N, C-alpha and C. Protein backbone atom coordinates (compact mmCIF):
# COMPACT_ATOMS: atom_id res chain seq x y z
N UNK A 1 0.82 -1.20 0.00
CA UNK A 1 0.00 0.00 0.00
C UNK A 1 0.86 1.26 0.00
N UNK A 2 2.07 1.18 0.53
CA UNK A 2 2.93 2.35 0.58
C UNK A 2 3.38 2.77 -0.81
N UNK A 3 3.55 1.84 -1.71
CA UNK A 3 4.04 2.12 -3.05
C UNK A 3 3.13 3.06 -3.84
N UNK A 4 1.82 2.80 -3.93
CA UNK A 4 0.94 3.73 -4.66
C UNK A 4 0.90 5.11 -4.02
N UNK A 5 0.95 5.16 -2.70
CA UNK A 5 0.92 6.44 -2.02
C UNK A 5 2.19 7.25 -2.31
N UNK A 6 3.33 6.58 -2.33
CA UNK A 6 4.59 7.25 -2.65
C UNK A 6 4.59 7.74 -4.09
N UNK A 7 4.04 6.95 -5.00
CA UNK A 7 3.97 7.35 -6.41
C UNK A 7 3.06 8.57 -6.57
N UNK A 8 1.92 8.55 -5.86
CA UNK A 8 1.01 9.68 -5.92
C UNK A 8 1.68 10.94 -5.38
N UNK A 9 2.40 10.82 -4.27
CA UNK A 9 3.09 11.98 -3.68
C UNK A 9 4.13 12.53 -4.65
N UNK A 10 4.86 11.66 -5.32
CA UNK A 10 5.86 12.10 -6.29
C UNK A 10 5.18 12.83 -7.46
N UNK A 11 4.10 12.27 -7.98
CA UNK A 11 3.38 12.92 -9.08
C UNK A 11 2.82 14.28 -8.65
N UNK A 12 2.33 14.36 -7.43
CA UNK A 12 1.80 15.63 -6.92
C UNK A 12 2.91 16.68 -6.84
N UNK A 13 4.08 16.29 -6.35
CA UNK A 13 5.21 17.23 -6.28
C UNK A 13 5.63 17.71 -7.66
N UNK A 14 5.68 16.78 -8.61
CA UNK A 14 6.06 17.15 -9.98
C UNK A 14 5.03 18.11 -10.58
N UNK A 15 3.76 17.87 -10.34
CA UNK A 15 2.71 18.74 -10.85
C UNK A 15 2.82 20.15 -10.25
N UNK A 16 3.10 20.23 -8.96
CA UNK A 16 3.27 21.53 -8.31
C UNK A 16 4.47 22.26 -8.88
N UNK A 17 5.58 21.55 -9.12
CA UNK A 17 6.75 22.18 -9.73
C UNK A 17 6.44 22.67 -11.14
N UNK A 18 5.68 21.86 -11.89
CA UNK A 18 5.31 22.25 -13.25
C UNK A 18 4.47 23.52 -13.23
N UNK A 19 3.47 23.58 -12.35
CA UNK A 19 2.62 24.77 -12.27
C UNK A 19 3.42 25.99 -11.85
N UNK A 20 4.34 25.84 -10.94
CA UNK A 20 5.19 26.95 -10.53
C UNK A 20 6.07 27.44 -11.65
N UNK A 21 6.51 26.54 -12.52
CA UNK A 21 7.37 26.90 -13.64
C UNK A 21 6.63 27.61 -14.75
N UNK A 22 5.31 27.49 -14.79
CA UNK A 22 4.52 28.11 -15.85
C UNK A 22 4.21 29.57 -15.55
N UNK A 23 4.33 29.96 -14.32
CA UNK A 23 4.01 31.34 -13.97
C UNK A 23 5.14 32.27 -14.39
N UNK A 24 4.78 33.47 -14.68
CA UNK A 24 5.72 34.50 -15.11
C UNK A 24 6.52 34.98 -13.90
N UNK A 25 7.79 35.25 -14.11
CA UNK A 25 8.66 35.73 -13.04
C UNK A 25 8.56 37.26 -12.97
N UNK A 26 7.82 37.76 -12.00
CA UNK A 26 7.61 39.20 -11.87
C UNK A 26 8.81 39.90 -11.24
N UNK A 27 9.90 39.16 -11.01
CA UNK A 27 11.14 39.76 -10.52
C UNK A 27 12.08 40.09 -11.67
N UNK A 28 11.59 39.93 -12.91
CA UNK A 28 12.40 40.25 -14.09
C UNK A 28 11.70 41.34 -14.90
N UNK A 29 12.48 42.07 -15.66
CA UNK A 29 11.93 43.12 -16.51
C UNK A 29 10.96 42.52 -17.53
N UNK A 30 11.35 41.42 -18.13
CA UNK A 30 10.49 40.78 -19.14
C UNK A 30 9.18 40.28 -18.52
N UNK A 31 9.28 39.67 -17.36
CA UNK A 31 8.08 39.15 -16.70
C UNK A 31 7.08 40.25 -16.39
N UNK A 32 7.57 41.39 -15.91
CA UNK A 32 6.69 42.52 -15.59
C UNK A 32 6.12 43.11 -16.88
N UNK A 33 6.92 43.23 -17.92
CA UNK A 33 6.43 43.77 -19.19
C UNK A 33 5.34 42.87 -19.77
N UNK A 34 5.55 41.56 -19.75
CA UNK A 34 4.54 40.63 -20.25
C UNK A 34 3.27 40.67 -19.41
N UNK A 35 3.42 40.76 -18.10
CA UNK A 35 2.25 40.84 -17.22
C UNK A 35 1.46 42.12 -17.50
N UNK A 36 2.16 43.22 -17.72
CA UNK A 36 1.49 44.48 -18.04
C UNK A 36 0.71 44.34 -19.35
N UNK A 37 1.33 43.77 -20.38
CA UNK A 37 0.65 43.59 -21.67
C UNK A 37 -0.58 42.69 -21.48
N UNK A 38 -0.43 41.62 -20.72
CA UNK A 38 -1.58 40.73 -20.47
C UNK A 38 -2.72 41.49 -19.80
N UNK A 39 -2.41 42.22 -18.76
CA UNK A 39 -3.46 42.92 -18.01
C UNK A 39 -4.06 44.07 -18.81
N UNK A 40 -3.22 44.86 -19.44
CA UNK A 40 -3.69 46.06 -20.14
C UNK A 40 -4.39 45.72 -21.46
N UNK A 41 -3.76 44.90 -22.30
CA UNK A 41 -4.24 44.69 -23.65
C UNK A 41 -5.03 43.39 -23.85
N UNK A 42 -4.70 42.35 -23.11
CA UNK A 42 -5.38 41.07 -23.31
C UNK A 42 -6.62 40.97 -22.42
N UNK A 43 -6.45 41.18 -21.13
CA UNK A 43 -7.57 41.05 -20.19
C UNK A 43 -8.36 42.36 -20.01
N UNK A 44 -7.79 43.46 -20.48
CA UNK A 44 -8.38 44.79 -20.33
C UNK A 44 -8.72 45.05 -18.86
N UNK A 45 -7.73 44.80 -18.02
CA UNK A 45 -7.88 45.02 -16.58
C UNK A 45 -6.90 46.13 -16.18
N UNK A 46 -7.35 47.36 -16.30
CA UNK A 46 -6.48 48.51 -16.06
C UNK A 46 -6.03 48.60 -14.61
N UNK A 47 -6.87 48.16 -13.67
CA UNK A 47 -6.47 48.20 -12.26
C UNK A 47 -5.28 47.27 -12.02
N UNK A 48 -5.27 46.11 -12.65
CA UNK A 48 -4.13 45.19 -12.51
C UNK A 48 -2.90 45.75 -13.22
N UNK A 49 -3.09 46.37 -14.38
CA UNK A 49 -1.96 46.99 -15.09
C UNK A 49 -1.37 48.10 -14.24
N UNK A 50 -2.23 48.80 -13.53
CA UNK A 50 -1.81 49.89 -12.65
C UNK A 50 -0.85 49.39 -11.57
N UNK A 51 -1.06 48.18 -11.08
CA UNK A 51 -0.21 47.61 -10.03
C UNK A 51 1.25 47.45 -10.46
N UNK A 52 1.48 47.37 -11.76
CA UNK A 52 2.83 47.14 -12.29
C UNK A 52 3.43 48.42 -12.88
N UNK A 53 2.79 49.56 -12.63
CA UNK A 53 3.18 50.81 -13.28
C UNK A 53 3.73 51.83 -12.29
N UNK A 54 4.62 52.68 -12.80
CA UNK A 54 5.14 53.84 -12.05
C UNK A 54 5.30 55.00 -13.03
N UNK A 55 5.47 56.19 -12.48
CA UNK A 55 5.81 57.36 -13.29
C UNK A 55 4.80 57.64 -14.38
N UNK A 56 5.30 57.88 -15.57
CA UNK A 56 4.46 58.23 -16.71
C UNK A 56 3.48 57.11 -17.06
N UNK A 57 3.92 55.87 -16.97
CA UNK A 57 3.02 54.75 -17.25
C UNK A 57 1.83 54.76 -16.30
N UNK A 58 2.10 55.02 -15.02
CA UNK A 58 1.01 55.08 -14.04
C UNK A 58 0.06 56.23 -14.36
N UNK A 59 0.60 57.36 -14.77
CA UNK A 59 -0.25 58.50 -15.15
C UNK A 59 -1.15 58.13 -16.34
N UNK A 60 -0.57 57.46 -17.33
CA UNK A 60 -1.34 57.06 -18.51
C UNK A 60 -2.45 56.08 -18.14
N UNK A 61 -2.12 55.08 -17.33
CA UNK A 61 -3.13 54.10 -16.92
C UNK A 61 -4.23 54.79 -16.11
N UNK A 62 -3.84 55.66 -15.19
CA UNK A 62 -4.84 56.39 -14.39
C UNK A 62 -5.77 57.21 -15.29
N UNK A 63 -5.21 57.83 -16.31
CA UNK A 63 -6.03 58.62 -17.25
C UNK A 63 -6.97 57.70 -18.02
N UNK A 64 -6.51 56.53 -18.43
CA UNK A 64 -7.38 55.57 -19.13
C UNK A 64 -8.51 55.11 -18.20
N UNK A 65 -8.19 54.90 -16.95
CA UNK A 65 -9.22 54.51 -15.98
C UNK A 65 -10.25 55.63 -15.85
N UNK A 66 -9.78 56.86 -15.77
CA UNK A 66 -10.70 58.00 -15.67
C UNK A 66 -11.60 58.09 -16.90
N UNK A 67 -11.00 57.95 -18.08
CA UNK A 67 -11.76 58.08 -19.32
C UNK A 67 -12.77 56.95 -19.53
N UNK A 68 -12.50 55.79 -18.97
CA UNK A 68 -13.40 54.65 -19.17
C UNK A 68 -14.29 54.39 -17.96
N UNK A 69 -14.22 55.25 -16.95
CA UNK A 69 -15.07 55.03 -15.77
C UNK A 69 -16.53 55.06 -16.20
N UNK A 70 -17.29 54.17 -15.63
CA UNK A 70 -18.69 54.05 -15.99
C UNK A 70 -18.93 53.08 -17.14
N UNK A 71 -17.87 52.64 -17.81
CA UNK A 71 -17.99 51.66 -18.89
C UNK A 71 -17.66 50.28 -18.31
N UNK A 72 -18.66 49.49 -18.07
CA UNK A 72 -18.45 48.18 -17.46
C UNK A 72 -17.81 47.21 -18.45
N UNK A 73 -16.74 46.57 -18.00
CA UNK A 73 -16.12 45.49 -18.76
C UNK A 73 -16.29 44.25 -17.90
N UNK A 74 -17.23 43.40 -18.33
CA UNK A 74 -17.53 42.21 -17.54
C UNK A 74 -17.66 41.00 -18.47
N UNK A 75 -18.26 39.95 -17.97
CA UNK A 75 -18.37 38.71 -18.74
C UNK A 75 -19.18 38.89 -20.02
N UNK A 76 -20.08 39.87 -20.05
CA UNK A 76 -20.91 40.07 -21.24
C UNK A 76 -20.22 40.94 -22.30
N UNK A 77 -19.10 41.55 -21.95
CA UNK A 77 -18.38 42.41 -22.89
C UNK A 77 -17.70 41.56 -23.96
N UNK A 78 -17.85 41.95 -25.21
CA UNK A 78 -17.17 41.25 -26.30
C UNK A 78 -15.72 41.72 -26.33
N UNK A 79 -14.83 40.90 -25.80
CA UNK A 79 -13.43 41.27 -25.77
C UNK A 79 -12.72 40.71 -27.00
N UNK A 80 -11.73 41.43 -27.48
CA UNK A 80 -10.95 40.89 -28.60
C UNK A 80 -10.04 39.76 -28.11
N UNK A 81 -9.64 38.93 -29.03
CA UNK A 81 -8.61 37.93 -28.73
C UNK A 81 -7.29 38.52 -29.17
N UNK A 82 -6.32 38.50 -28.27
CA UNK A 82 -5.04 39.13 -28.52
C UNK A 82 -3.93 38.10 -28.37
N UNK A 83 -3.09 38.00 -29.38
CA UNK A 83 -1.91 37.15 -29.35
C UNK A 83 -0.72 38.06 -29.58
N UNK A 84 0.34 37.89 -28.82
CA UNK A 84 1.48 38.79 -28.98
C UNK A 84 2.79 38.05 -28.88
N UNK A 85 3.82 38.75 -29.33
CA UNK A 85 5.19 38.23 -29.24
C UNK A 85 6.14 39.41 -29.09
N UNK A 86 7.29 39.14 -28.53
CA UNK A 86 8.32 40.18 -28.43
C UNK A 86 9.11 40.17 -29.72
N UNK A 87 9.23 41.33 -30.36
CA UNK A 87 9.99 41.42 -31.61
C UNK A 87 11.35 42.07 -31.42
N UNK A 88 11.51 42.79 -30.30
CA UNK A 88 12.80 43.42 -30.01
C UNK A 88 12.90 43.67 -28.52
N UNK A 89 14.11 43.53 -27.99
CA UNK A 89 14.30 43.84 -26.58
C UNK A 89 15.68 44.46 -26.38
N UNK A 90 15.74 45.37 -25.42
CA UNK A 90 17.00 46.01 -25.03
C UNK A 90 17.03 45.99 -23.51
N UNK A 91 18.00 45.30 -22.97
CA UNK A 91 18.05 45.17 -21.52
C UNK A 91 19.36 45.70 -20.96
N UNK A 92 19.25 46.46 -19.89
CA UNK A 92 20.40 46.95 -19.14
C UNK A 92 20.18 46.59 -17.68
N UNK A 93 21.09 47.01 -16.84
CA UNK A 93 21.03 46.62 -15.43
C UNK A 93 19.77 47.13 -14.73
N UNK A 94 19.38 48.37 -14.99
CA UNK A 94 18.25 48.97 -14.26
C UNK A 94 17.11 49.43 -15.16
N UNK A 95 17.23 49.20 -16.46
CA UNK A 95 16.18 49.59 -17.40
C UNK A 95 16.14 48.60 -18.55
N UNK A 96 14.95 48.39 -19.07
CA UNK A 96 14.80 47.49 -20.23
C UNK A 96 13.59 47.96 -21.04
N UNK A 97 13.64 47.69 -22.33
CA UNK A 97 12.49 47.99 -23.17
C UNK A 97 12.19 46.78 -24.05
N UNK A 98 10.91 46.60 -24.31
CA UNK A 98 10.44 45.46 -25.08
C UNK A 98 9.43 45.96 -26.10
N UNK A 99 9.65 45.59 -27.35
CA UNK A 99 8.70 45.93 -28.41
C UNK A 99 7.88 44.68 -28.68
N UNK A 100 6.60 44.78 -28.41
CA UNK A 100 5.67 43.67 -28.63
C UNK A 100 4.90 43.92 -29.90
N UNK A 101 4.58 42.84 -30.61
CA UNK A 101 3.68 42.92 -31.74
C UNK A 101 2.46 42.09 -31.37
N UNK A 102 1.30 42.73 -31.41
CA UNK A 102 0.06 42.05 -31.06
C UNK A 102 -0.82 41.86 -32.26
N UNK A 103 -1.38 40.67 -32.37
CA UNK A 103 -2.36 40.36 -33.41
C UNK A 103 -3.72 40.33 -32.72
N UNK A 104 -4.63 41.17 -33.17
CA UNK A 104 -5.90 41.34 -32.49
C UNK A 104 -7.03 40.85 -33.40
N UNK A 105 -7.86 39.97 -32.84
CA UNK A 105 -9.00 39.42 -33.55
C UNK A 105 -10.27 39.88 -32.83
N UNK A 106 -11.13 40.54 -33.58
CA UNK A 106 -12.41 41.00 -33.04
C UNK A 106 -13.51 40.34 -33.85
N UNK A 107 -14.52 39.83 -33.15
CA UNK A 107 -15.63 39.17 -33.83
C UNK A 107 -16.26 40.10 -34.85
N UNK A 108 -16.52 39.58 -36.04
CA UNK A 108 -17.17 40.34 -37.12
C UNK A 108 -16.36 41.52 -37.62
N UNK A 109 -15.03 41.45 -37.50
CA UNK A 109 -14.16 42.52 -38.00
C UNK A 109 -12.86 41.89 -38.49
N UNK A 110 -12.17 42.56 -39.39
CA UNK A 110 -10.89 42.01 -39.85
C UNK A 110 -9.83 42.06 -38.75
N UNK A 111 -8.95 41.09 -38.77
CA UNK A 111 -7.82 41.03 -37.83
C UNK A 111 -6.88 42.20 -38.11
N UNK A 112 -6.24 42.72 -37.07
CA UNK A 112 -5.27 43.79 -37.25
C UNK A 112 -4.13 43.62 -36.25
N UNK A 113 -3.05 44.37 -36.48
CA UNK A 113 -1.89 44.28 -35.59
C UNK A 113 -1.61 45.65 -34.97
N UNK A 114 -1.00 45.59 -33.80
CA UNK A 114 -0.54 46.78 -33.10
C UNK A 114 0.83 46.46 -32.52
N UNK A 115 1.59 47.49 -32.28
CA UNK A 115 2.88 47.34 -31.59
C UNK A 115 2.84 48.16 -30.32
N UNK A 116 3.43 47.60 -29.27
CA UNK A 116 3.49 48.27 -27.98
C UNK A 116 4.93 48.29 -27.51
N UNK A 117 5.44 49.46 -27.26
CA UNK A 117 6.77 49.61 -26.67
C UNK A 117 6.56 49.76 -25.16
N UNK A 118 7.09 48.81 -24.42
CA UNK A 118 6.94 48.80 -22.97
C UNK A 118 8.33 49.03 -22.38
N UNK A 119 8.47 50.09 -21.59
CA UNK A 119 9.74 50.42 -20.95
C UNK A 119 9.61 50.10 -19.46
N UNK A 120 10.58 49.39 -18.95
CA UNK A 120 10.58 49.04 -17.53
C UNK A 120 11.81 49.62 -16.85
N UNK A 121 11.70 49.81 -15.55
CA UNK A 121 12.86 50.23 -14.78
C UNK A 121 12.81 49.54 -13.42
N UNK A 122 13.99 49.36 -12.87
CA UNK A 122 14.10 48.71 -11.58
C UNK A 122 14.03 49.77 -10.49
N UNK A 123 13.08 49.58 -9.60
CA UNK A 123 12.91 50.48 -8.46
C UNK A 123 13.14 49.65 -7.21
N UNK A 124 14.27 49.88 -6.55
CA UNK A 124 14.64 49.03 -5.42
C UNK A 124 14.95 47.65 -5.94
N UNK A 125 14.21 46.66 -5.47
CA UNK A 125 14.42 45.29 -5.95
C UNK A 125 13.29 44.82 -6.87
N UNK A 126 12.42 45.75 -7.31
CA UNK A 126 11.27 45.37 -8.13
C UNK A 126 11.30 46.08 -9.48
N UNK A 127 10.89 45.37 -10.52
CA UNK A 127 10.75 45.96 -11.84
C UNK A 127 9.35 46.51 -11.99
N UNK A 128 9.23 47.66 -12.66
CA UNK A 128 7.94 48.30 -12.91
C UNK A 128 7.94 48.84 -14.34
N UNK A 129 6.76 48.97 -14.90
CA UNK A 129 6.60 49.60 -16.22
C UNK A 129 6.61 51.10 -15.99
N UNK A 130 7.55 51.79 -16.63
CA UNK A 130 7.67 53.23 -16.45
C UNK A 130 7.07 54.03 -17.60
N UNK A 131 6.87 53.39 -18.75
CA UNK A 131 6.24 54.06 -19.88
C UNK A 131 5.77 52.99 -20.87
N UNK A 132 4.78 53.35 -21.67
CA UNK A 132 4.33 52.48 -22.75
C UNK A 132 3.77 53.34 -23.86
N UNK A 133 3.97 52.89 -25.08
CA UNK A 133 3.52 53.60 -26.25
C UNK A 133 2.93 52.60 -27.23
N UNK A 134 1.84 52.99 -27.88
CA UNK A 134 1.17 52.13 -28.87
C UNK A 134 1.44 52.65 -30.27
N UNK A 135 1.63 51.71 -31.20
CA UNK A 135 1.86 52.05 -32.61
C UNK A 135 0.95 51.20 -33.48
N UNK A 136 0.55 51.76 -34.63
CA UNK A 136 -0.21 50.97 -35.63
C UNK A 136 0.72 50.04 -36.35
């Protein structure tokens, strides 16, 4: 009886390690930039994007929140499907920038692409998005 229990425990540990490995590392510039893109552009959750922002980026997100206040984004909202990739990156010790290319699919409309330049900076021991710019 000990053998199946030991096998189950081993499988459970491996599964937990696998799940931990799939999460984004928010202690890296890239991880924070990707999380920001996910929250801002994919999930359209400006409050979550705000959590990863400082400086000018925080001002921009706050302004977007102000402009969209009263516009409910919930389960009934038709959200676009967004797929993205990093096309360019520049990393230094305390600052990094990532150029993302997003492919956006909206129901009953033609697919289109956008580019987002996400600039991050290290504040203390944490990376934050300090600016972002959108391009056609």
